[in-house]
Amino acid sequence: MGASMFERYGGFAKVSQIVSAFYDRMLDSPVTSPYFQSVDMRRLIDHQTKFISTIMGGPASYSNDMLERVHAHIGVSEAAFDEASSILREALEDFGIEDGDVRYLCEEFASRKRYIVSR
């Protein structure tokens, strides 16, 4: 069996860099920045690194139930989720993630929308 996407791209160190760049852009966006007013960004980056690592085939494990629980009180809008999806794509591309892998990761992110966006 070949290396996982997580291993091919350099593991937690690389994923953490991508996630840090992702949140720099999220904080610059007028659509998403209000969600992070009083958030411990270091802690959030750690959690998001584990989540992205999970969908890349890494050792971390995040369930859909966990995503739903964590986002239940936040009130994430469709527009904010769509903006986050777009920003994620840009961050992945900027770090040289191959097109097919970017597509896969964005599809995996999008498939969890119902657990993140408020109903």
PDB file of N, CA and C in Angstrom:
ATOM      1  N   MET A   1       0.842  -1.187   0.000  1.00  0.00           N
ATOM      2  CA  MET A   1       0.000   0.000   0.000  1.00  0.00           C
ATOM      3  C   MET A   1       0.883   1.244   0.000  1.00  0.00           C
ATOM      4  N   GLY A   2       0.522   2.236  -0.787  1.00  0.00           N
ATOM      5  CA  GLY A   2       1.320   3.447  -0.896  1.00  0.00           C
ATOM      6  C   GLY A   2       1.142   4.369   0.302  1.00  0.00           C
ATOM      7  N   ALA A   3       1.953   5.399   0.316  1.00  0.00           N
ATOM      8  CA  ALA A   3       1.883   6.389   1.392  1.00  0.00           C
ATOM      9  C   ALA A   3       0.565   7.146   1.320  1.00  0.00           C
ATOM     10  N   SER A   4       0.035   7.520   2.468  1.00  0.00           N
ATOM     11  CA  SER A   4      -1.187   8.325   2.508  1.00  0.00           C
ATOM     12  C   SER A   4      -0.869   9.735   2.014  1.00  0.00           C
ATOM     13  N   MET A   5      -1.891  10.460   1.670  1.00  0.00           N
ATOM     14  CA  MET A   5      -1.721  11.855   1.269  1.00  0.00           C
ATOM     15  C   MET A   5      -1.037  12.626   2.413  1.00  0.00           C
ATOM     16  N   PHE A   6      -1.425  12.330   3.636  1.00  0.00           N
ATOM     17  CA  PHE A   6      -0.832  12.950   4.815  1.00  0.00           C
ATOM     18  C   PHE A   6       0.684  12.753   4.816  1.00  0.00           C
ATOM     19  N   GLU A   7       1.134  11.528   4.570  1.00  0.00           N
ATOM     20  CA  GLU A   7       2.570  11.219   4.547  1.00  0.00           C
ATOM     21  C   GLU A   7       3.257  11.852   3.342  1.00  0.00           C
ATOM     22  N   ARG A   8       2.624  11.786   2.176  1.00  0.00           N
ATOM     23  CA  ARG A   8       3.227  12.340   0.947  1.00  0.00           C
ATOM     24  C   ARG A   8       3.518  13.829   1.059  1.00  0.00           C
ATOM     25  N   TYR A   9       2.671  14.548   1.786  1.00  0.00           N
ATOM     26  CA  TYR A   9       2.853  15.998   1.873  1.00  0.00           C
ATOM     27  C   TYR A   9       3.617  16.456   3.112  1.00  0.00           C
ATOM     28  N   GLY A  10       4.121  15.544   3.916  1.00  0.00           N
ATOM     29  CA  GLY A  10       4.999  15.953   5.003  1.00  0.00           C
ATOM     30  C   GLY A  10       4.394  15.929   6.393  1.00  0.00           C
ATOM     31  N   GLY A  11       3.243  15.326   6.563  1.00  0.00           N
ATOM     32  CA  GLY A  11       2.678  15.129   7.894  1.00  0.00           C
ATOM     33  C   GLY A  11       2.193  16.389   8.579  1.00  0.00           C
ATOM     34  N   PHE A  12       2.171  16.320   9.910  1.00  0.00           N
ATOM     35  CA  PHE A  12       1.604  17.406  10.711  1.00  0.00           C
ATOM     36  C   PHE A  12       2.284  18.745  10.460  1.00  0.00           C
ATOM     37  N   ALA A  13       3.592  18.758  10.229  1.00  0.00           N
ATOM     38  CA  ALA A  13       4.312  20.025  10.029  1.00  0.00           C
ATOM     39  C   ALA A  13       3.747  20.784   8.826  1.00  0.00           C
ATOM     40  N   LYS A  14       3.579  20.093   7.717  1.00  0.00           N
ATOM     41  CA  LYS A  14       3.057  20.730   6.502  1.00  0.00           C
ATOM     42  C   LYS A  14       1.579  21.092   6.659  1.00  0.00           C
ATOM     43  N   VAL A  15       0.799  20.182   7.221  1.00  0.00           N
ATOM     44  CA  VAL A  15      -0.629  20.452   7.398  1.00  0.00           C
ATOM     45  C   VAL A  15      -0.810  21.668   8.305  1.00  0.00           C
ATOM     46  N   SER A  16      -0.008  21.774   9.335  1.00  0.00           N
ATOM     47  CA  SER A  16      -0.094  22.921  10.241  1.00  0.00           C
ATOM     48  C   SER A  16       0.210  24.237   9.516  1.00  0.00           C
ATOM     49  N   GLN A  17       1.168  24.217   8.609  1.00  0.00           N
ATOM     50  CA  GLN A  17       1.478  25.418   7.814  1.00  0.00           C
ATOM     51  C   GLN A  17       0.289  25.803   6.939  1.00  0.00           C
ATOM     52  N   ILE A  18      -0.314  24.814   6.311  1.00  0.00           N
ATOM     53  CA  ILE A  18      -1.477  25.068   5.447  1.00  0.00           C
ATOM     54  C   ILE A  18      -2.622  25.646   6.280  1.00  0.00           C
ATOM     55  N   VAL A  19      -2.876  25.029   7.424  1.00  0.00           N
ATOM     56  CA  VAL A  19      -3.978  25.479   8.286  1.00  0.00           C
ATOM     57  C   VAL A  19      -3.709  26.889   8.816  1.00  0.00           C
ATOM     58  N   SER A  20      -2.469  27.204   9.163  1.00  0.00           N
ATOM     59  CA  SER A  20      -2.131  28.558   9.621  1.00  0.00           C
ATOM     60  C   SER A  20      -2.411  29.579   8.524  1.00  0.00           C
ATOM     61  N   ALA A  21      -2.027  29.267   7.297  1.00  0.00           N
ATOM     62  CA  ALA A  21      -2.297  30.162   6.169  1.00  0.00           C
ATOM     63  C   ALA A  21      -3.801  30.292   5.927  1.00  0.00           C
ATOM     64  N   PHE A  22      -4.516  29.177   6.059  1.00  0.00           N
ATOM     65  CA  PHE A  22      -5.972  29.171   5.917  1.00  0.00           C
ATOM     66  C   PHE A  22      -6.601  30.145   6.909  1.00  0.00           C
ATOM     67  N   TYR A  23      -6.193  30.080   8.183  1.00  0.00           N
ATOM     68  CA  TYR A  23      -6.782  30.965   9.191  1.00  0.00           C
ATOM     69  C   TYR A  23      -6.328  32.408   9.038  1.00  0.00           C
ATOM     70  N   ASP A  24      -5.134  32.668   8.542  1.00  0.00           N
ATOM     71  CA  ASP A  24      -4.737  34.049   8.244  1.00  0.00           C
ATOM     72  C   ASP A  24      -5.738  34.655   7.259  1.00  0.00           C
ATOM     73  N   ARG A  25      -6.113  33.884   6.255  1.00  0.00           N
ATOM     74  CA  ARG A  25      -7.076  34.361   5.247  1.00  0.00           C
ATOM     75  C   ARG A  25      -8.488  34.446   5.822  1.00  0.00           C
ATOM     76  N   MET A  26      -8.851  33.502   6.675  1.00  0.00           N
ATOM     77  CA  MET A  26     -10.179  33.533   7.304  1.00  0.00           C
ATOM     78  C   MET A  26     -10.321  34.797   8.158  1.00  0.00           C
ATOM     79  N   LEU A  27      -9.247  35.171   8.850  1.00  0.00           N
ATOM     80  CA  LEU A  27      -9.268  36.370   9.687  1.00  0.00           C
ATOM     81  C   LEU A  27      -9.286  37.646   8.857  1.00  0.00           C
ATOM     82  N   ASP A  28      -8.802  37.588   7.611  1.00  0.00           N
ATOM     83  CA  ASP A  28      -8.819  38.744   6.713  1.00  0.00           C
ATOM     84  C   ASP A  28     -10.152  38.899   5.980  1.00  0.00           C
ATOM     85  N   SER A  29     -10.952  37.864   5.961  1.00  0.00           N
ATOM     86  CA  SER A  29     -12.208  37.892   5.221  1.00  0.00           C
ATOM     87  C   SER A  29     -13.325  38.547   6.041  1.00  0.00           C
ATOM     88  N   PRO A  30     -14.025  39.528   5.467  1.00  0.00           N
ATOM     89  CA  PRO A  30     -15.141  40.134   6.198  1.00  0.00           C
ATOM     90  C   PRO A  30     -16.296  39.149   6.443  1.00  0.00           C
ATOM     91  N   VAL A  31     -16.355  38.091   5.650  1.00  0.00           N
ATOM     92  CA  VAL A  31     -17.417  37.094   5.808  1.00  0.00           C
ATOM     93  C   VAL A  31     -17.139  36.162   6.988  1.00  0.00           C
ATOM     94  N   THR A  32     -15.892  35.757   7.155  1.00  0.00           N
ATOM     95  CA  THR A  32     -15.569  34.766   8.178  1.00  0.00           C
ATOM     96  C   THR A  32     -14.925  35.333   9.440  1.00  0.00           C
ATOM     97  N   SER A  33     -14.293  36.479   9.365  1.00  0.00           N
ATOM     98  CA  SER A  33     -13.565  36.999  10.534  1.00  0.00           C
ATOM     99  C   SER A  33     -14.437  37.196  11.779  1.00  0.00           C
ATOM    100  N   PRO A  34     -15.714  37.583  11.660  1.00  0.00           N
ATOM    101  CA  PRO A  34     -16.513  37.751  12.886  1.00  0.00           C
ATOM    102  C   PRO A  34     -16.648  36.482  13.734  1.00  0.00           C
ATOM    103  N   TYR A  35     -16.475  35.326  13.145  1.00  0.00           N
ATOM    104  CA  TYR A  35     -16.596  34.066  13.883  1.00  0.00           C
ATOM    105  C   TYR A  35     -15.431  33.827  14.844  1.00  0.00           C
ATOM    106  N   PHE A  36     -14.370  34.607  14.716  1.00  0.00           N
ATOM    107  CA  PHE A  36     -13.147  34.337  15.479  1.00  0.00           C
ATOM    108  C   PHE A  36     -12.788  35.442  16.468  1.00  0.00           C
ATOM    109  N   GLN A  37     -13.754  36.271  16.831  1.00  0.00           N
ATOM    110  CA  GLN A  37     -13.496  37.414  17.707  1.00  0.00           C
ATOM    111  C   GLN A  37     -12.828  37.035  19.032  1.00  0.00           C
ATOM    112  N   SER A  38     -13.323  36.038  19.697  1.00  0.00           N
ATOM    113  CA  SER A  38     -12.769  35.685  21.015  1.00  0.00           C
ATOM    114  C   SER A  38     -12.338  34.222  21.055  1.00  0.00           C
ATOM    115  N   VAL A  39     -11.680  33.805  19.977  1.00  0.00           N
ATOM    116  CA  VAL A  39     -11.267  32.404  19.843  1.00  0.00           C
ATOM    117  C   VAL A  39      -9.771  32.275  20.092  1.00  0.00           C
ATOM    118  N   ASP A  40      -9.401  31.235  20.809  1.00  0.00           N
ATOM    119  CA  ASP A  40      -7.992  30.895  21.010  1.00  0.00           C
ATOM    120  C   ASP A  40      -7.496  30.296  19.694  1.00  0.00           C
ATOM    121  N   MET A  41      -6.836  31.106  18.885  1.00  0.00           N
ATOM    122  CA  MET A  41      -6.468  30.688  17.529  1.00  0.00           C
ATOM    123  C   MET A  41      -5.444  29.559  17.538  1.00  0.00           C
ATOM    124  N   ARG A  42      -4.533  29.547  18.502  1.00  0.00           N
ATOM    125  CA  ARG A  42      -3.555  28.447  18.559  1.00  0.00           C
ATOM    126  C   ARG A  42      -4.260  27.111  18.755  1.00  0.00           C
ATOM    127  N   ARG A  43      -5.224  27.109  19.646  1.00  0.00           N
ATOM    128  CA  ARG A  43      -5.998  25.893  19.921  1.00  0.00           C
ATOM    129  C   ARG A  43      -6.814  25.487  18.685  1.00  0.00           C
ATOM    130  N   LEU A  44      -7.430  26.475  18.048  1.00  0.00           N
ATOM    131  CA  LEU A  44      -8.235  26.200  16.861  1.00  0.00           C
ATOM    132  C   LEU A  44      -7.367  25.646  15.723  1.00  0.00           C
ATOM    133  N   ILE A  45      -6.206  26.230  15.518  1.00  0.00           N
ATOM    134  CA  ILE A  45      -5.288  25.753  14.473  1.00  0.00           C
ATOM    135  C   ILE A  45      -4.869  24.310  14.764  1.00  0.00           C
ATOM    136  N   ASP A  46      -4.640  23.998  16.025  1.00  0.00           N
ATOM    137  CA  ASP A  46      -4.291  22.626  16.405  1.00  0.00           C
ATOM    138  C   ASP A  46      -5.432  21.669  16.042  1.00  0.00           C
ATOM    139  N   HIS A  47      -6.651  22.034  16.394  1.00  0.00           N
ATOM    140  CA  HIS A  47      -7.805  21.171  16.094  1.00  0.00           C
ATOM    141  C   HIS A  47      -8.028  21.031  14.591  1.00  0.00           C
ATOM    142  N   GLN A  48      -7.930  22.142  13.873  1.00  0.00           N
ATOM    143  CA  GLN A  48      -8.145  22.100  12.425  1.00  0.00           C
ATOM    144  C   GLN A  48      -7.034  21.311  11.738  1.00  0.00           C
ATOM    145  N   THR A  49      -5.820  21.387  12.258  1.00  0.00           N
ATOM    146  CA  THR A  49      -4.717  20.590  11.712  1.00  0.00           C
ATOM    147  C   THR A  49      -5.040  19.106  11.849  1.00  0.00           C
ATOM    148  N   LYS A  50      -5.572  18.721  12.998  1.00  0.00           N
ATOM    149  CA  LYS A  50      -5.952  17.319  13.199  1.00  0.00           C
ATOM    150  C   LYS A  50      -7.101  16.925  12.264  1.00  0.00           C
ATOM    151  N   PHE A  51      -8.069  17.824  12.068  1.00  0.00           N
ATOM    152  CA  PHE A  51      -9.189  17.526  11.174  1.00  0.00           C
ATOM    153  C   PHE A  51      -8.707  17.337   9.731  1.00  0.00           C
ATOM    154  N   ILE A  52      -7.906  18.267   9.226  1.00  0.00           N
ATOM    155  CA  ILE A  52      -7.395  18.156   7.849  1.00  0.00           C
ATOM    156  C   ILE A  52      -6.507  16.916   7.730  1.00  0.00           C
ATOM    157  N   SER A  53      -5.731  16.636   8.764  1.00  0.00           N
ATOM    158  CA  SER A  53      -4.901  15.427   8.762  1.00  0.00           C
ATOM    159  C   SER A  53      -5.770  14.176   8.651  1.00  0.00           C
ATOM    160  N   THR A  54      -6.894  14.170   9.335  1.00  0.00           N
ATOM    161  CA  THR A  54      -7.823  13.039   9.265  1.00  0.00           C
ATOM    162  C   THR A  54      -8.267  12.790   7.831  1.00  0.00           C
ATOM    163  N   ILE A  55      -8.678  13.860   7.131  1.00  0.00           N
ATOM    164  CA  ILE A  55      -9.183  13.645   5.764  1.00  0.00           C
ATOM    165  C   ILE A  55      -8.054  13.395   4.757  1.00  0.00           C
ATOM    166  N   MET A  56      -6.815  13.635   5.194  1.00  0.00           N
ATOM    167  CA  MET A  56      -5.660  13.304   4.350  1.00  0.00           C
ATOM    168  C   MET A  56      -5.139  11.894   4.628  1.00  0.00           C
ATOM    169  N   GLY A  57      -5.795  11.176   5.526  1.00  0.00           N
ATOM    170  CA  GLY A  57      -5.368   9.818   5.837  1.00  0.00           C
ATOM    171  C   GLY A  57      -4.350   9.730   6.949  1.00  0.00           C
ATOM    172  N   GLY A  58      -4.229  10.792   7.733  1.00  0.00           N
ATOM    173  CA  GLY A  58      -3.284  10.814   8.831  1.00  0.00           C
ATOM    174  C   GLY A  58      -3.825  10.127  10.076  1.00  0.00           C
ATOM    175  N   PRO A  59      -3.036  10.148  11.143  1.00  0.00           N
ATOM    176  CA  PRO A  59      -3.382   9.395  12.344  1.00  0.00           C
ATOM    177  C   PRO A  59      -4.474  10.029  13.210  1.00  0.00           C
ATOM    178  N   ALA A  60      -4.743  11.310  13.042  1.00  0.00           N
ATOM    179  CA  ALA A  60      -5.774  11.959  13.853  1.00  0.00           C
ATOM    180  C   ALA A  60      -7.146  11.464  13.413  1.00  0.00           C
ATOM    181  N   SER A  61      -8.125  11.578  14.297  1.00  0.00           N
ATOM    182  CA  SER A  61      -9.456  11.084  13.970  1.00  0.00           C
ATOM    183  C   SER A  61     -10.528  12.043  14.461  1.00  0.00           C
ATOM    184  N   TYR A  62     -11.314  12.583  13.532  1.00  0.00           N
ATOM    185  CA  TYR A  62     -12.424  13.476  13.859  1.00  0.00           C
ATOM    186  C   TYR A  62     -13.699  12.894  13.301  1.00  0.00           C
ATOM    187  N   SER A  63     -14.693  12.733  14.148  1.00  0.00           N
ATOM    188  CA  SER A  63     -15.975  12.182  13.712  1.00  0.00           C
ATOM    189  C   SER A  63     -16.925  13.315  13.316  1.00  0.00           C
ATOM    190  N   ASN A  64     -17.932  12.978  12.549  1.00  0.00           N
ATOM    191  CA  ASN A  64     -18.945  13.951  12.175  1.00  0.00           C
ATOM    192  C   ASN A  64     -19.722  14.424  13.405  1.00  0.00           C
ATOM    193  N   ASP A  65     -19.942  13.528  14.363  1.00  0.00           N
ATOM    194  CA  ASP A  65     -20.617  13.912  15.613  1.00  0.00           C
ATOM    195  C   ASP A  65     -19.828  14.993  16.343  1.00  0.00           C
ATOM    196  N   MET A  66     -18.509  14.829  16.356  1.00  0.00           N
ATOM    197  CA  MET A  66     -17.654  15.814  17.013  1.00  0.00           C
ATOM    198  C   MET A  66     -17.754  17.160  16.294  1.00  0.00           C
ATOM    199  N   LEU A  67     -17.717  17.148  14.968  1.00  0.00           N
ATOM    200  CA  LEU A  67     -17.843  18.388  14.207  1.00  0.00           C
ATOM    201  C   LEU A  67     -19.154  19.086  14.524  1.00  0.00           C
ATOM    202  N   GLU A  68     -20.226  18.308  14.570  1.00  0.00           N
ATOM    203  CA  GLU A  68     -21.546  18.874  14.837  1.00  0.00           C
ATOM    204  C   GLU A  68     -21.598  19.495  16.240  1.00  0.00           C
ATOM    205  N   ARG A  69     -21.074  18.776  17.226  1.00  0.00           N
ATOM    206  CA  ARG A  69     -21.058  19.279  18.606  1.00  0.00           C
ATOM    207  C   ARG A  69     -20.273  20.584  18.718  1.00  0.00           C
ATOM    208  N   VAL A  70     -19.112  20.621  18.105  1.00  0.00           N
ATOM    209  CA  VAL A  70     -18.237  21.790  18.207  1.00  0.00           C
ATOM    210  C   VAL A  70     -18.851  23.021  17.532  1.00  0.00           C
ATOM    211  N   HIS A  71     -19.560  22.819  16.437  1.00  0.00           N
ATOM    212  CA  HIS A  71     -20.098  23.951  15.676  1.00  0.00           C
ATOM    213  C   HIS A  71     -21.530  24.329  16.046  1.00  0.00           C
ATOM    214  N   ALA A  72     -22.201  23.538  16.867  1.00  0.00           N
ATOM    215  CA  ALA A  72     -23.622  23.735  17.170  1.00  0.00           C
ATOM    216  C   ALA A  72     -23.948  25.132  17.687  1.00  0.00           C
ATOM    217  N   HIS A  73     -23.107  25.683  18.525  1.00  0.00           N
ATOM    218  CA  HIS A  73     -23.390  26.987  19.155  1.00  0.00           C
ATOM    219  C   HIS A  73     -22.841  28.185  18.374  1.00  0.00           C
ATOM    220  N   ILE A  74     -22.163  27.942  17.268  1.00  0.00           N
ATOM    221  CA  ILE A  74     -21.458  29.017  16.567  1.00  0.00           C
ATOM    222  C   ILE A  74     -22.356  29.758  15.579  1.00  0.00           C
ATOM    223  N   GLY A  75     -23.299  29.064  14.970  1.00  0.00           N
ATOM    224  CA  GLY A  75     -24.187  29.715  14.005  1.00  0.00           C
ATOM    225  C   GLY A  75     -23.536  29.979  12.661  1.00  0.00           C
ATOM    226  N   VAL A  76     -22.780  29.017  12.149  1.00  0.00           N
ATOM    227  CA  VAL A  76     -22.094  29.180  10.866  1.00  0.00           C
ATOM    228  C   VAL A  76     -23.118  29.258   9.737  1.00  0.00           C
ATOM    229  N   SER A  77     -23.011  30.299   8.927  1.00  0.00           N
ATOM    230  CA  SER A  77     -23.928  30.497   7.804  1.00  0.00           C
ATOM    231  C   SER A  77     -23.432  29.756   6.563  1.00  0.00           C
ATOM    232  N   GLU A  78     -24.349  29.585   5.605  1.00  0.00           N
ATOM    233  CA  GLU A  78     -23.973  28.992   4.309  1.00  0.00           C
ATOM    234  C   GLU A  78     -22.875  29.830   3.656  1.00  0.00           C
ATOM    235  N   ALA A  79     -23.034  31.144   3.692  1.00  0.00           N
ATOM    236  CA  ALA A  79     -22.059  32.046   3.061  1.00  0.00           C
ATOM    237  C   ALA A  79     -20.678  31.900   3.698  1.00  0.00           C
ATOM    238  N   ALA A  80     -20.639  31.783   5.024  1.00  0.00           N
ATOM    239  CA  ALA A  80     -19.353  31.628   5.708  1.00  0.00           C
ATOM    240  C   ALA A  80     -18.722  30.276   5.365  1.00  0.00           C
ATOM    241  N   PHE A  81     -19.544  29.231   5.296  1.00  0.00           N
ATOM    242  CA  PHE A  81     -19.010  27.915   4.929  1.00  0.00           C
ATOM    243  C   PHE A  81     -18.449  27.946   3.509  1.00  0.00           C
ATOM    244  N   ASP A  82     -19.182  28.563   2.585  1.00  0.00           N
ATOM    245  CA  ASP A  82     -18.720  28.657   1.196  1.00  0.00           C
ATOM    246  C   ASP A  82     -17.432  29.460   1.093  1.00  0.00           C
ATOM    247  N   GLU A  83     -17.340  30.526   1.869  1.00  0.00           N
ATOM    248  CA  GLU A  83     -16.114  31.333   1.891  1.00  0.00           C
ATOM    249  C   GLU A  83     -14.949  30.501   2.436  1.00  0.00           C
ATOM    250  N   ALA A  84     -15.199  29.753   3.506  1.00  0.00           N
ATOM    251  CA  ALA A  84     -14.158  28.897   4.079  1.00  0.00           C
ATOM    252  C   ALA A  84     -13.706  27.845   3.065  1.00  0.00           C
ATOM    253  N   SER A  85     -14.641  27.294   2.314  1.00  0.00           N
ATOM    254  CA  SER A  85     -14.298  26.300   1.281  1.00  0.00           C
ATOM    255  C   SER A  85     -13.386  26.904   0.225  1.00  0.00           C
ATOM    256  N   SER A  86     -13.717  28.107  -0.191  1.00  0.00           N
ATOM    257  CA  SER A  86     -12.910  28.799  -1.197  1.00  0.00           C
ATOM    258  C   SER A  86     -11.510  29.111  -0.665  1.00  0.00           C
ATOM    259  N   ILE A  87     -11.449  29.573   0.570  1.00  0.00           N
ATOM    260  CA  ILE A  87     -10.162  29.893   1.198  1.00  0.00           C
ATOM    261  C   ILE A  87      -9.325  28.624   1.377  1.00  0.00           C
ATOM    262  N   LEU A  88      -9.965  27.538   1.746  1.00  0.00           N
ATOM    263  CA  LEU A  88      -9.234  26.268   1.887  1.00  0.00           C
ATOM    264  C   LEU A  88      -8.610  25.868   0.559  1.00  0.00           C
ATOM    265  N   ARG A  89      -9.381  25.950  -0.519  1.00  0.00           N
ATOM    266  CA  ARG A  89      -8.860  25.608  -1.851  1.00  0.00           C
ATOM    267  C   ARG A  89      -7.626  26.456  -2.171  1.00  0.00           C
ATOM    268  N   GLU A  90      -7.706  27.758  -1.940  1.00  0.00           N
ATOM    269  CA  GLU A  90      -6.578  28.657  -2.214  1.00  0.00           C
ATOM    270  C   GLU A  90      -5.345  28.273  -1.399  1.00  0.00           C
ATOM    271  N   ALA A  91      -5.547  27.989  -0.125  1.00  0.00           N
ATOM    272  CA  ALA A  91      -4.419  27.636   0.748  1.00  0.00           C
ATOM    273  C   ALA A  91      -3.765  26.339   0.280  1.00  0.00           C
ATOM    274  N   LEU A  92      -4.578  25.352  -0.053  1.00  0.00           N
ATOM    275  CA  LEU A  92      -4.032  24.073  -0.535  1.00  0.00           C
ATOM    276  C   LEU A  92      -3.239  24.268  -1.824  1.00  0.00           C
ATOM    277  N   GLU A  93      -3.794  25.052  -2.735  1.00  0.00           N
ATOM    278  CA  GLU A  93      -3.098  25.310  -4.013  1.00  0.00           C
ATOM    279  C   GLU A  93      -1.789  26.054  -3.783  1.00  0.00           C
ATOM    280  N   ASP A  94      -1.808  27.037  -2.882  1.00  0.00           N
ATOM    281  CA  ASP A  94      -0.599  27.820  -2.607  1.00  0.00           C
ATOM    282  C   ASP A  94       0.523  26.974  -2.016  1.00  0.00           C
ATOM    283  N   PHE A  95       0.184  25.873  -1.349  1.00  0.00           N
ATOM    284  CA  PHE A  95       1.194  25.005  -0.765  1.00  0.00           C
ATOM    285  C   PHE A  95       1.570  23.849  -1.691  1.00  0.00           C
ATOM    286  N   GLY A  96       1.157  23.940  -2.945  1.00  0.00           N
ATOM    287  CA  GLY A  96       1.593  22.959  -3.930  1.00  0.00           C
ATOM    288  C   GLY A  96       0.898  21.609  -3.852  1.00  0.00           C
ATOM    289  N   ILE A  97      -0.265  21.559  -3.237  1.00  0.00           N
ATOM    290  CA  ILE A  97      -1.016  20.309  -3.204  1.00  0.00           C
ATOM    291  C   ILE A  97      -1.525  20.045  -4.626  1.00  0.00           C
ATOM    292  N   GLU A  98      -1.374  18.842  -5.101  1.00  0.00           N
ATOM    293  CA  GLU A  98      -1.752  18.494  -6.473  1.00  0.00           C
ATOM    294  C   GLU A  98      -3.250  18.684  -6.696  1.00  0.00           C
ATOM    295  N   ASP A  99      -3.617  19.042  -7.933  1.00  0.00           N
ATOM    296  CA  ASP A  99      -5.007  19.355  -8.270  1.00  0.00           C
ATOM    297  C   ASP A  99      -5.997  18.269  -7.845  1.00  0.00           C
ATOM    298  N   GLY A 100      -5.683  17.018  -8.113  1.00  0.00           N
ATOM    299  CA  GLY A 100      -6.578  15.918  -7.745  1.00  0.00           C
ATOM    300  C   GLY A 100      -6.755  15.810  -6.241  1.00  0.00           C
ATOM    301  N   ASP A 101      -5.674  16.071  -5.505  1.00  0.00           N
ATOM    302  CA  ASP A 101      -5.742  16.027  -4.046  1.00  0.00           C
ATOM    303  C   ASP A 101      -6.513  17.227  -3.498  1.00  0.00           C
ATOM    304  N   VAL A 102      -6.337  18.389  -4.114  1.00  0.00           N
ATOM    305  CA  VAL A 102      -7.108  19.578  -3.720  1.00  0.00           C
ATOM    306  C   VAL A 102      -8.597  19.294  -3.916  1.00  0.00           C
ATOM    307  N   ARG A 103      -8.937  18.746  -5.066  1.00  0.00           N
ATOM    308  CA  ARG A 103     -10.336  18.419  -5.362  1.00  0.00           C
ATOM    309  C   ARG A 103     -10.896  17.458  -4.311  1.00  0.00           C
ATOM    310  N   TYR A 104     -10.152  16.400  -4.017  1.00  0.00           N
ATOM    311  CA  TYR A 104     -10.580  15.413  -3.023  1.00  0.00           C
ATOM    312  C   TYR A 104     -10.785  16.066  -1.651  1.00  0.00           C
ATOM    313  N   LEU A 105      -9.810  16.845  -1.198  1.00  0.00           N
ATOM    314  CA  LEU A 105      -9.896  17.462   0.125  1.00  0.00           C
ATOM    315  C   LEU A 105     -11.064  18.441   0.200  1.00  0.00           C
ATOM    316  N   CYS A 106     -11.279  19.203  -0.859  1.00  0.00           N
ATOM    317  CA  CYS A 106     -12.398  20.144  -0.873  1.00  0.00           C
ATOM    318  C   CYS A 106     -13.737  19.413  -0.892  1.00  0.00           C
ATOM    319  N   GLU A 107     -13.801  18.297  -1.591  1.00  0.00           N
ATOM    320  CA  GLU A 107     -15.029  17.487  -1.594  1.00  0.00           C
ATOM    321  C   GLU A 107     -15.285  16.903  -0.208  1.00  0.00           C
ATOM    322  N   GLU A 108     -14.242  16.432   0.451  1.00  0.00           N
ATOM    323  CA  GLU A 108     -14.383  15.894   1.809  1.00  0.00           C
ATOM    324  C   GLU A 108     -14.835  16.980   2.783  1.00  0.00           C
ATOM    325  N   PHE A 109     -14.270  18.165   2.637  1.00  0.00           N
ATOM    326  CA  PHE A 109     -14.672  19.306   3.475  1.00  0.00           C
ATOM    327  C   PHE A 109     -16.143  19.624   3.217  1.00  0.00           C
ATOM    328  N   ALA A 110     -16.516  19.726   1.948  1.00  0.00           N
ATOM    329  CA  ALA A 110     -17.902  20.056   1.575  1.00  0.00           C
ATOM    330  C   ALA A 110     -18.891  18.995   2.053  1.00  0.00           C
ATOM    331  N   SER A 111     -18.458  17.737   2.072  1.00  0.00           N
ATOM    332  CA  SER A 111     -19.362  16.656   2.485  1.00  0.00           C
ATOM    333  C   SER A 111     -19.745  16.762   3.962  1.00  0.00           C
ATOM    334  N   ARG A 112     -19.039  17.569   4.715  1.00  0.00           N
ATOM    335  CA  ARG A 112     -19.326  17.740   6.142  1.00  0.00           C
ATOM    336  C   ARG A 112     -20.110  19.016   6.429  1.00  0.00           C
ATOM    337  N   LYS A 113     -20.546  19.686   5.391  1.00  0.00           N
ATOM    338  CA  LYS A 113     -21.264  20.956   5.537  1.00  0.00           C
ATOM    339  C   LYS A 113     -22.442  20.848   6.495  1.00  0.00           C
ATOM    340  N   ARG A 114     -23.223  19.775   6.391  1.00  0.00           N
ATOM    341  CA  ARG A 114     -24.424  19.646   7.232  1.00  0.00           C
ATOM    342  C   ARG A 114     -24.097  19.539   8.718  1.00  0.00           C
ATOM    343  N   TYR A 115     -22.865  19.205   9.054  1.00  0.00           N
ATOM    344  CA  TYR A 115     -22.462  19.115  10.461  1.00  0.00           C
ATOM    345  C   TYR A 115     -21.909  20.434  10.989  1.00  0.00           C
ATOM    346  N   ILE A 116     -21.658  21.373  10.081  1.00  0.00           N
ATOM    347  CA  ILE A 116     -21.003  22.636  10.453  1.00  0.00           C
ATOM    348  C   ILE A 116     -21.935  23.835  10.346  1.00  0.00           C
ATOM    349  N   VAL A 117     -22.737  23.877   9.282  1.00  0.00           N
ATOM    350  CA  VAL A 117     -23.644  25.008   9.045  1.00  0.00           C
ATOM    351  C   VAL A 117     -24.873  24.863   9.936  1.00  0.00           C
ATOM    352  N   SER A 118     -25.284  25.982  10.524  1.00  0.00           N
ATOM    353  CA  SER A 118     -26.469  25.967  11.393  1.00  0.00           C
ATOM    354  C   SER A 118     -27.729  25.761  10.574  1.00  0.00           C
ATOM    355  N   ARG A 119     -28.635  24.991  11.146  1.00  0.00           N
ATOM    356  CA  ARG A 119     -29.907  24.739  10.462  1.00  0.00           C
ATOM    357  C   ARG A 119     -30.929  25.793  10.815  1.00  0.00           C
TER     358      ARG A 119
END
